[in-house]
PDB file of all heavy atoms in Angstrom:
ATOM      1  N   VAL A   1    -206.331 -36.053 180.140  1.00  0.00           N
ATOM      2  CA  VAL A   1    -205.408 -36.654 179.178  1.00  0.00           C
ATOM      3  C   VAL A   1    -204.734 -35.563 178.359  1.00  0.00           C
ATOM      4  O   VAL A   1    -203.532 -35.613 178.097  1.00  0.00           O
ATOM      5  CB  VAL A   1    -206.156 -37.669 178.272  1.00  0.00           C
ATOM      6  CG1 VAL A   1    -205.285 -38.096 177.107  1.00  0.00           C
ATOM      7  CG2 VAL A   1    -206.598 -38.864 179.086  1.00  0.00           C
ATOM      8  N   SER A   2    -205.479 -34.557 177.991  1.00  0.00           N
ATOM      9  CA  SER A   2    -204.932 -33.448 177.215  1.00  0.00           C
ATOM     10  C   SER A   2    -203.854 -32.711 178.016  1.00  0.00           C
ATOM     11  O   SER A   2    -202.800 -32.362 177.477  1.00  0.00           O
ATOM     12  CB  SER A   2    -206.057 -32.492 176.837  1.00  0.00           C
ATOM     13  OG  SER A   2    -205.534 -31.346 176.224  1.00  0.00           O
ATOM     14  N   ASP A   3    -204.095 -32.484 179.294  1.00  0.00           N
ATOM     15  CA  ASP A   3    -203.100 -31.819 180.152  1.00  0.00           C
ATOM     16  C   ASP A   3    -201.836 -32.658 180.274  1.00  0.00           C
ATOM     17  O   ASP A   3    -200.718 -32.133 180.195  1.00  0.00           O
ATOM     18  CB  ASP A   3    -203.687 -31.564 181.546  1.00  0.00           C
ATOM     19  CG  ASP A   3    -204.740 -30.472 181.543  1.00  0.00           C
ATOM     20  OD1 ASP A   3    -204.841 -29.744 180.522  1.00  0.00           O
ATOM     21  OD2 ASP A   3    -205.453 -30.344 182.560  1.00  0.00           O
ATOM     22  N   ARG A   4    -202.002 -33.965 180.473  1.00  0.00           N
ATOM     23  CA  ARG A   4    -200.832 -34.843 180.584  1.00  0.00           C
ATOM     24  C   ARG A   4    -200.045 -34.856 179.280  1.00  0.00           C
ATOM     25  O   ARG A   4    -198.814 -34.869 179.284  1.00  0.00           O
ATOM     26  CB  ARG A   4    -201.252 -36.255 180.991  1.00  0.00           C
ATOM     27  CG  ARG A   4    -201.644 -36.363 182.449  1.00  0.00           C
ATOM     28  CD  ARG A   4    -201.725 -37.816 182.892  1.00  0.00           C
ATOM     29  NE  ARG A   4    -202.710 -38.574 182.135  1.00  0.00           N
ATOM     30  CZ  ARG A   4    -203.924 -38.892 182.572  1.00  0.00           C
ATOM     31  NH1 ARG A   4    -204.306 -38.516 183.765  1.00  0.00           N
ATOM     32  NH2 ARG A   4    -204.748 -39.590 181.807  1.00  0.00           N
ATOM     33  N   LEU A   5    -200.750 -34.848 178.162  1.00  0.00           N
ATOM     34  CA  LEU A   5    -200.093 -34.820 176.863  1.00  0.00           C
ATOM     35  C   LEU A   5    -199.301 -33.520 176.691  1.00  0.00           C
ATOM     36  O   LEU A   5    -198.160 -33.541 176.224  1.00  0.00           O
ATOM     37  CB  LEU A   5    -201.126 -34.959 175.738  1.00  0.00           C
ATOM     38  CG  LEU A   5    -200.576 -34.890 174.314  1.00  0.00           C
ATOM     39  CD1 LEU A   5    -199.619 -36.054 174.063  1.00  0.00           C
ATOM     40  CD2 LEU A   5    -201.702 -34.897 173.308  1.00  0.00           C
ATOM     41  N   ALA A   6    -199.883 -32.411 177.089  1.00  0.00           N
ATOM     42  CA  ALA A   6    -199.188 -31.116 176.977  1.00  0.00           C
ATOM     43  C   ALA A   6    -197.933 -31.107 177.847  1.00  0.00           C
ATOM     44  O   ALA A   6    -196.871 -30.619 177.428  1.00  0.00           O
ATOM     45  CB  ALA A   6    -200.121 -29.979 177.377  1.00  0.00           C
ATOM     46  N   GLN A   7    -198.033 -31.655 179.043  1.00  0.00           N
ATOM     47  CA  GLN A   7    -196.866 -31.723 179.927  1.00  0.00           C
ATOM     48  C   GLN A   7    -195.785 -32.614 179.327  1.00  0.00           C
ATOM     49  O   GLN A   7    -194.595 -32.288 179.386  1.00  0.00           O
ATOM     50  CB  GLN A   7    -197.269 -32.236 181.306  1.00  0.00           C
ATOM     51  CG  GLN A   7    -198.086 -31.257 182.103  1.00  0.00           C
ATOM     52  CD  GLN A   7    -198.608 -31.869 183.402  1.00  0.00           C
ATOM     53  OE1 GLN A   7    -198.487 -33.069 183.630  1.00  0.00           O
ATOM     54  NE2 GLN A   7    -199.190 -31.031 184.252  1.00  0.00           N
ATOM     55  N   ALA A   8    -196.192 -33.741 178.754  1.00  0.00           N
ATOM     56  CA  ALA A   8    -195.220 -34.655 178.145  1.00  0.00           C
ATOM     57  C   ALA A   8    -194.538 -33.991 176.950  1.00  0.00           C
ATOM     58  O   ALA A   8    -193.319 -34.128 176.767  1.00  0.00           O
ATOM     59  CB  ALA A   8    -195.911 -35.944 177.714  1.00  0.00           C
ATOM     60  N   GLU A   9    -195.301 -33.265 176.146  1.00  0.00           N
ATOM     61  CA  GLU A   9    -194.707 -32.567 175.004  1.00  0.00           C
ATOM     62  C   GLU A   9    -193.725 -31.491 175.467  1.00  0.00           C
ATOM     63  O   GLU A   9    -192.668 -31.304 174.872  1.00  0.00           O
ATOM     64  CB  GLU A   9    -195.811 -31.943 174.144  1.00  0.00           C
ATOM     65  CG  GLU A   9    -196.597 -32.955 173.346  1.00  0.00           C
ATOM     66  CD  GLU A   9    -197.775 -32.331 172.612  1.00  0.00           C
ATOM     67  OE1 GLU A   9    -198.117 -31.165 172.872  1.00  0.00           O
ATOM     68  OE2 GLU A   9    -198.355 -33.044 171.764  1.00  0.00           O
ATOM     69  N   GLU A  10    -194.068 -30.807 176.533  1.00  0.00           N
ATOM     70  CA  GLU A  10    -193.176 -29.779 177.070  1.00  0.00           C
ATOM     71  C   GLU A  10    -191.872 -30.389 177.571  1.00  0.00           C
ATOM     72  O   GLU A  10    -190.783 -29.872 177.310  1.00  0.00           O
ATOM     73  CB  GLU A  10    -193.887 -29.037 178.208  1.00  0.00           C
ATOM     74  CG  GLU A  10    -193.126 -27.858 178.743  1.00  0.00           C
ATOM     75  CD  GLU A  10    -193.914 -27.121 179.810  1.00  0.00           C
ATOM     76  OE1 GLU A  10    -195.117 -26.888 179.608  1.00  0.00           O
ATOM     77  OE2 GLU A  10    -193.300 -26.792 180.835  1.00  0.00           O
ATOM     78  N   ARG A  11    -191.963 -31.519 178.273  1.00  0.00           N
ATOM     79  CA  ARG A  11    -190.758 -32.194 178.753  1.00  0.00           C
ATOM     80  C   ARG A  11    -189.919 -32.705 177.584  1.00  0.00           C
ATOM     81  O   ARG A  11    -188.690 -32.625 177.613  1.00  0.00           O
ATOM     82  CB  ARG A  11    -191.129 -33.350 179.689  1.00  0.00           C
ATOM     83  CG  ARG A  11    -191.583 -32.892 181.055  1.00  0.00           C
ATOM     84  CD  ARG A  11    -191.632 -34.040 182.052  1.00  0.00           C
ATOM     85  NE  ARG A  11    -192.384 -35.194 181.578  1.00  0.00           N
ATOM     86  CZ  ARG A  11    -193.673 -35.425 181.814  1.00  0.00           C
ATOM     87  NH1 ARG A  11    -194.358 -34.561 182.521  1.00  0.00           N
ATOM     88  NH2 ARG A  11    -194.269 -36.502 181.346  1.00  0.00           N
ATOM     89  N   ALA A  12    -190.573 -33.210 176.545  1.00  0.00           N
ATOM     90  CA  ALA A  12    -189.843 -33.704 175.369  1.00  0.00           C
ATOM     91  C   ALA A  12    -189.120 -32.568 174.662  1.00  0.00           C
ATOM     92  O   ALA A  12    -187.961 -32.717 174.253  1.00  0.00           O
ATOM     93  CB  ALA A  12    -190.801 -34.398 174.412  1.00  0.00           C
ATOM     94  N   ALA A  13    -189.772 -31.422 174.550  1.00  0.00           N
ATOM     95  CA  ALA A  13    -189.136 -30.269 173.905  1.00  0.00           C
ATOM     96  C   ALA A  13    -187.939 -29.791 174.719  1.00  0.00           C
ATOM     97  O   ALA A  13    -186.885 -29.457 174.160  1.00  0.00           O
ATOM     98  CB  ALA A  13    -190.146 -29.139 173.731  1.00  0.00           C
ATOM     99  N   ALA A  14    -188.063 -29.783 176.043  1.00  0.00           N
ATOM    100  CA  ALA A  14    -186.946 -29.375 176.904  1.00  0.00           C
ATOM    101  C   ALA A  14    -185.784 -30.355 176.765  1.00  0.00           C
ATOM    102  O   ALA A  14    -184.610 -29.949 176.703  1.00  0.00           O
ATOM    103  CB  ALA A  14    -187.401 -29.283 178.355  1.00  0.00           C
ATOM    104  N   ALA A  15    -186.089 -31.639 176.708  1.00  0.00           N
ATOM    105  CA  ALA A  15    -185.035 -32.643 176.553  1.00  0.00           C
ATOM    106  C   ALA A  15    -184.342 -32.496 175.202  1.00  0.00           C
ATOM    107  O   ALA A  15    -183.114 -32.639 175.100  1.00  0.00           O
ATOM    108  CB  ALA A  15    -185.617 -34.044 176.695  1.00  0.00           C
ATOM    109  N   GLU A  16    -185.115 -32.191 174.174  1.00  0.00           N
ATOM    110  CA  GLU A  16    -184.527 -31.998 172.846  1.00  0.00           C
ATOM    111  C   GLU A  16    -183.607 -30.777 172.831  1.00  0.00           C
ATOM    112  O   GLU A  16    -182.517 -30.834 172.261  1.00  0.00           O
ATOM    113  CB  GLU A  16    -185.649 -31.826 171.814  1.00  0.00           C
ATOM    114  CG  GLU A  16    -185.144 -31.800 170.394  1.00  0.00           C
ATOM    115  CD  GLU A  16    -186.284 -31.736 169.389  1.00  0.00           C
ATOM    116  OE1 GLU A  16    -187.404 -32.161 169.708  1.00  0.00           O
ATOM    117  OE2 GLU A  16    -186.024 -31.248 168.279  1.00  0.00           O
ATOM    118  N   ARG A  17    -184.028 -29.689 173.478  1.00  0.00           N
ATOM    119  CA  ARG A  17    -183.167 -28.498 173.551  1.00  0.00           C
ATOM    120  C   ARG A  17    -181.870 -28.807 174.291  1.00  0.00           C
ATOM    121  O   ARG A  17    -180.792 -28.376 173.900  1.00  0.00           O
ATOM    122  CB  ARG A  17    -183.913 -27.354 174.248  1.00  0.00           C
ATOM    123  CG  ARG A  17    -184.940 -26.662 173.379  1.00  0.00           C
ATOM    124  CD  ARG A  17    -185.434 -25.376 174.016  1.00  0.00           C
ATOM    125  NE  ARG A  17    -185.988 -25.560 175.351  1.00  0.00           N
ATOM    126  CZ  ARG A  17    -187.260 -25.839 175.626  1.00  0.00           C
ATOM    127  NH1 ARG A  17    -188.123 -25.978 174.652  1.00  0.00           N
ATOM    128  NH2 ARG A  17    -187.658 -25.975 176.874  1.00  0.00           N
ATOM    129  N   ARG A  18    -181.982 -29.600 175.381  1.00  0.00           N
ATOM    130  CA  ARG A  18    -180.781 -29.985 176.133  1.00  0.00           C
ATOM    131  C   ARG A  18    -179.847 -30.813 175.263  1.00  0.00           C
ATOM    132  O   ARG A  18    -178.631 -30.615 175.255  1.00  0.00           O
ATOM    133  CB  ARG A  18    -181.173 -30.780 177.377  1.00  0.00           C
ATOM    134  CG  ARG A  18    -181.086 -29.998 178.644  1.00  0.00           C
ATOM    135  CD  ARG A  18    -181.192 -30.852 179.907  1.00  0.00           C
ATOM    136  NE  ARG A  18    -182.064 -32.011 179.839  1.00  0.00           N
ATOM    137  CZ  ARG A  18    -183.368 -32.008 180.097  1.00  0.00           C
ATOM    138  NH1 ARG A  18    -183.966 -30.895 180.423  1.00  0.00           N
ATOM    139  NH2 ARG A  18    -184.069 -33.118 180.034  1.00  0.00           N
ATOM    140  N   ALA A  19    -180.410 -31.752 174.521  1.00  0.00           N
ATOM    141  CA  ALA A  19    -179.595 -32.624 173.666  1.00  0.00           C
ATOM    142  C   ALA A  19    -178.882 -31.806 172.585  1.00  0.00           C
ATOM    143  O   ALA A  19    -177.685 -32.006 172.329  1.00  0.00           O
ATOM    144  CB  ALA A  19    -180.458 -33.697 173.028  1.00  0.00           C
ATOM    145  N   VAL A  20    -179.592 -30.870 171.975  1.00  0.00           N
ATOM    146  CA  VAL A  20    -178.978 -30.018 170.949  1.00  0.00           C
ATOM    147  C   VAL A  20    -177.870 -29.181 171.571  1.00  0.00           C
ATOM    148  O   VAL A  20    -176.780 -29.031 170.999  1.00  0.00           O
ATOM    149  CB  VAL A  20    -180.047 -29.130 170.274  1.00  0.00           C
ATOM    150  CG1 VAL A  20    -179.406 -28.050 169.424  1.00  0.00           C
ATOM    151  CG2 VAL A  20    -180.973 -29.981 169.431  1.00  0.00           C
ATOM    152  N   ARG A  21    -178.125 -28.649 172.760  1.00  0.00           N
ATOM    153  CA  ARG A  21    -177.117 -27.825 173.437  1.00  0.00           C
ATOM    154  C   ARG A  21    -175.848 -28.637 173.716  1.00  0.00           C
ATOM    155  O   ARG A  21    -174.733 -28.182 173.444  1.00  0.00           O
ATOM    156  CB  ARG A  21    -177.697 -27.275 174.737  1.00  0.00           C
ATOM    157  CG  ARG A  21    -176.763 -26.302 175.424  1.00  0.00           C
ATOM    158  CD  ARG A  21    -177.368 -25.673 176.659  1.00  0.00           C
ATOM    159  NE  ARG A  21    -177.555 -26.647 177.714  1.00  0.00           N
ATOM    160  CZ  ARG A  21    -178.719 -26.950 178.265  1.00  0.00           C
ATOM    161  NH1 ARG A  21    -179.810 -26.370 177.868  1.00  0.00           N
ATOM    162  NH2 ARG A  21    -178.789 -27.836 179.227  1.00  0.00           N
ATOM    163  N   PHE A  22    -176.009 -29.868 174.218  1.00  0.00           N
ATOM    164  CA  PHE A  22    -174.844 -30.702 174.503  1.00  0.00           C
ATOM    165  C   PHE A  22    -174.128 -31.121 173.222  1.00  0.00           C
ATOM    166  O   PHE A  22    -172.900 -31.212 173.180  1.00  0.00           O
ATOM    167  CB  PHE A  22    -175.233 -31.924 175.339  1.00  0.00           C
ATOM    168  CG  PHE A  22    -175.571 -31.579 176.761  1.00  0.00           C
ATOM    169  CD1 PHE A  22    -176.759 -32.013 177.321  1.00  0.00           C
ATOM    170  CD2 PHE A  22    -174.722 -30.811 177.532  1.00  0.00           C
ATOM    171  CE1 PHE A  22    -177.079 -31.683 178.626  1.00  0.00           C
ATOM    172  CE2 PHE A  22    -175.032 -30.481 178.839  1.00  0.00           C
ATOM    173  CZ  PHE A  22    -176.214 -30.909 179.388  1.00  0.00           C
ATOM    174  N   GLU A  23    -174.891 -31.382 172.195  1.00  0.00           N
ATOM    175  CA  GLU A  23    -174.297 -31.745 170.909  1.00  0.00           C
ATOM    176  C   GLU A  23    -173.436 -30.600 170.370  1.00  0.00           C
ATOM    177  O   GLU A  23    -172.303 -30.811 169.931  1.00  0.00           O
ATOM    178  CB  GLU A  23    -175.409 -32.076 169.913  1.00  0.00           C
ATOM    179  CG  GLU A  23    -174.923 -32.440 168.529  1.00  0.00           C
ATOM    180  CD  GLU A  23    -176.086 -32.673 167.581  1.00  0.00           C
ATOM    181  OE1 GLU A  23    -177.075 -33.302 167.994  1.00  0.00           O
ATOM    182  OE2 GLU A  23    -175.990 -32.211 166.432  1.00  0.00           O
ATOM    183  N   ILE A  24    -173.956 -29.398 170.427  1.00  0.00           N
ATOM    184  CA  ILE A  24    -173.211 -28.238 169.938  1.00  0.00           C
ATOM    185  C   ILE A  24    -172.000 -27.978 170.825  1.00  0.00           C
ATOM    186  O   ILE A  24    -170.906 -27.672 170.333  1.00  0.00           O
ATOM    187  CB  ILE A  24    -174.128 -27.009 169.863  1.00  0.00           C
ATOM    188  CG1 ILE A  24    -175.162 -27.205 168.752  1.00  0.00           C
ATOM    189  CG2 ILE A  24    -173.338 -25.735 169.624  1.00  0.00           C
ATOM    190  CD1 ILE A  24    -176.241 -26.149 168.701  1.00  0.00           C
ATOM    191  N   ALA A  25    -172.160 -28.124 172.131  1.00  0.00           N
ATOM    192  CA  ALA A  25    -171.044 -27.904 173.048  1.00  0.00           C
ATOM    193  C   ALA A  25    -169.921 -28.898 172.785  1.00  0.00           C
ATOM    194  O   ALA A  25    -168.739 -28.528 172.789  1.00  0.00           O
ATOM    195  CB  ALA A  25    -171.521 -28.016 174.492  1.00  0.00           C
ATOM    196  N   SER A  26    -170.257 -30.156 172.518  1.00  0.00           N
ATOM    197  CA  SER A  26    -169.212 -31.140 172.247  1.00  0.00           C
ATOM    198  C   SER A  26    -168.602 -30.913 170.863  1.00  0.00           C
ATOM    199  O   SER A  26    -167.410 -31.143 170.662  1.00  0.00           O
ATOM    200  CB  SER A  26    -169.759 -32.561 172.369  1.00  0.00           C
ATOM    201  OG  SER A  26    -170.722 -32.802 171.374  1.00  0.00           O
ATOM    202  N   GLU A  27    -169.399 -30.453 169.921  1.00  0.00           N
ATOM    203  CA  GLU A  27    -168.893 -30.183 168.570  1.00  0.00           C
ATOM    204  C   GLU A  27    -167.810 -29.100 168.593  1.00  0.00           C
ATOM    205  O   GLU A  27    -166.812 -29.182 167.891  1.00  0.00           O
ATOM    206  CB  GLU A  27    -170.054 -29.727 167.681  1.00  0.00           C
ATOM    207  CG  GLU A  27    -169.671 -29.374 166.263  1.00  0.00           C
ATOM    208  CD  GLU A  27    -170.883 -28.898 165.464  1.00  0.00           C
ATOM    209  OE1 GLU A  27    -172.008 -29.361 165.735  1.00  0.00           O
ATOM    210  OE2 GLU A  27    -170.678 -28.060 164.573  1.00  0.00           O
ATOM    211  N   PHE A  28    -168.005 -28.089 169.448  1.00  0.00           N
ATOM    212  CA  PHE A  28    -167.044 -26.986 169.525  1.00  0.00           C
ATOM    213  C   PHE A  28    -166.078 -27.146 170.697  1.00  0.00           C
ATOM    214  O   PHE A  28    -165.308 -26.235 170.995  1.00  0.00           O
ATOM    215  CB  PHE A  28    -167.782 -25.647 169.640  1.00  0.00           C
ATOM    216  CG  PHE A  28    -168.440 -25.219 168.364  1.00  0.00           C
ATOM    217  CD1 PHE A  28    -169.761 -25.526 168.114  1.00  0.00           C
ATOM    218  CD2 PHE A  28    -167.728 -24.525 167.407  1.00  0.00           C
ATOM    219  CE1 PHE A  28    -170.373 -25.134 166.939  1.00  0.00           C
ATOM    220  CE2 PHE A  28    -168.320 -24.130 166.232  1.00  0.00           C
ATOM    221  CZ  PHE A  28    -169.656 -24.436 165.989  1.00  0.00           C
ATOM    222  N   SER A  29    -166.105 -28.278 171.390  1.00  0.00           N
ATOM    223  CA  SER A  29    -165.228 -28.586 172.525  1.00  0.00           C
ATOM    224  C   SER A  29    -165.287 -27.488 173.590  1.00  0.00           C
ATOM    225  O   SER A  29    -164.263 -26.997 174.063  1.00  0.00           O
ATOM    226  CB  SER A  29    -163.780 -28.773 172.060  1.00  0.00           C
ATOM    227  OG  SER A  29    -163.699 -29.798 171.112  1.00  0.00           O
ATOM    228  N   LEU A  30    -166.498 -27.147 173.982  1.00  0.00           N
ATOM    229  CA  LEU A  30    -166.676 -26.112 174.994  1.00  0.00           C
ATOM    230  C   LEU A  30    -166.536 -26.701 176.393  1.00  0.00           C
ATOM    231  O   LEU A  30    -166.824 -27.874 176.619  1.00  0.00           O
ATOM    232  CB  LEU A  30    -168.055 -25.474 174.859  1.00  0.00           C
ATOM    233  CG  LEU A  30    -168.355 -24.730 173.568  1.00  0.00           C
ATOM    234  CD1 LEU A  30    -169.772 -24.177 173.608  1.00  0.00           C
ATOM    235  CD2 LEU A  30    -167.365 -23.609 173.334  1.00  0.00           C
ATOM    236  N   THR A  31    -166.116 -25.869 177.316  1.00  0.00           N
ATOM    237  CA  THR A  31    -166.088 -26.293 178.714  1.00  0.00           C
ATOM    238  C   THR A  31    -167.524 -26.312 179.229  1.00  0.00           C
ATOM    239  O   THR A  31    -168.432 -25.767 178.606  1.00  0.00           O
ATOM    240  CB  THR A  31    -165.254 -25.313 179.560  1.00  0.00           C
ATOM    241  OG1 THR A  31    -165.901 -24.034 179.538  1.00  0.00           O
ATOM    242  CG2 THR A  31    -163.843 -25.181 179.049  1.00  0.00           C
ATOM    243  N   SER A  32    -167.720 -26.917 180.383  1.00  0.00           N
ATOM    244  CA  SER A  32    -169.085 -26.997 180.919  1.00  0.00           C
ATOM    245  C   SER A  32    -169.628 -25.609 181.247  1.00  0.00           C
ATOM    246  O   SER A  32    -170.826 -25.351 181.082  1.00  0.00           O
ATOM    247  CB  SER A  32    -169.119 -27.891 182.156  1.00  0.00           C
ATOM    248  OG  SER A  32    -168.294 -27.361 183.169  1.00  0.00           O
ATOM    249  N   ASP A  33    -168.767 -24.701 181.718  1.00  0.00           N
ATOM    250  CA  ASP A  33    -169.220 -23.336 182.002  1.00  0.00           C
ATOM    251  C   ASP A  33    -169.647 -22.625 180.726  1.00  0.00           C
ATOM    252  O   ASP A  33    -170.653 -21.918 180.706  1.00  0.00           O
ATOM    253  CB  ASP A  33    -168.126 -22.530 182.696  1.00  0.00           C
ATOM    254  CG  ASP A  33    -167.871 -22.996 184.114  1.00  0.00           C
ATOM    255  OD1 ASP A  33    -168.793 -23.588 184.707  1.00  0.00           O
ATOM    256  OD2 ASP A  33    -166.761 -22.758 184.625  1.00  0.00           O
ATOM    257  N   ASP A  34    -168.879 -22.814 179.647  1.00  0.00           N
ATOM    258  CA  ASP A  34    -169.244 -22.197 178.370  1.00  0.00           C
ATOM    259  C   ASP A  34    -170.522 -22.822 177.817  1.00  0.00           C
ATOM    260  O   ASP A  34    -171.352 -22.140 177.219  1.00  0.00           O
ATOM    261  CB  ASP A  34    -168.106 -22.328 177.355  1.00  0.00           C
ATOM    262  CG  ASP A  34    -166.929 -21.410 177.683  1.00  0.00           C
ATOM    263  OD1 ASP A  34    -167.099 -20.498 178.506  1.00  0.00           O
ATOM    264  OD2 ASP A  34    -165.842 -21.621 177.112  1.00  0.00           O
TER     265      ASP A  34
END
């Protein structure tokens, strides 16, 4: 259970980083390459 929890937390952190990245990219109107 502890291992599954650690994996879930890691996936959640990665998803949060992706969301922040997309939010910032849209805020500055960046192209997908940028």
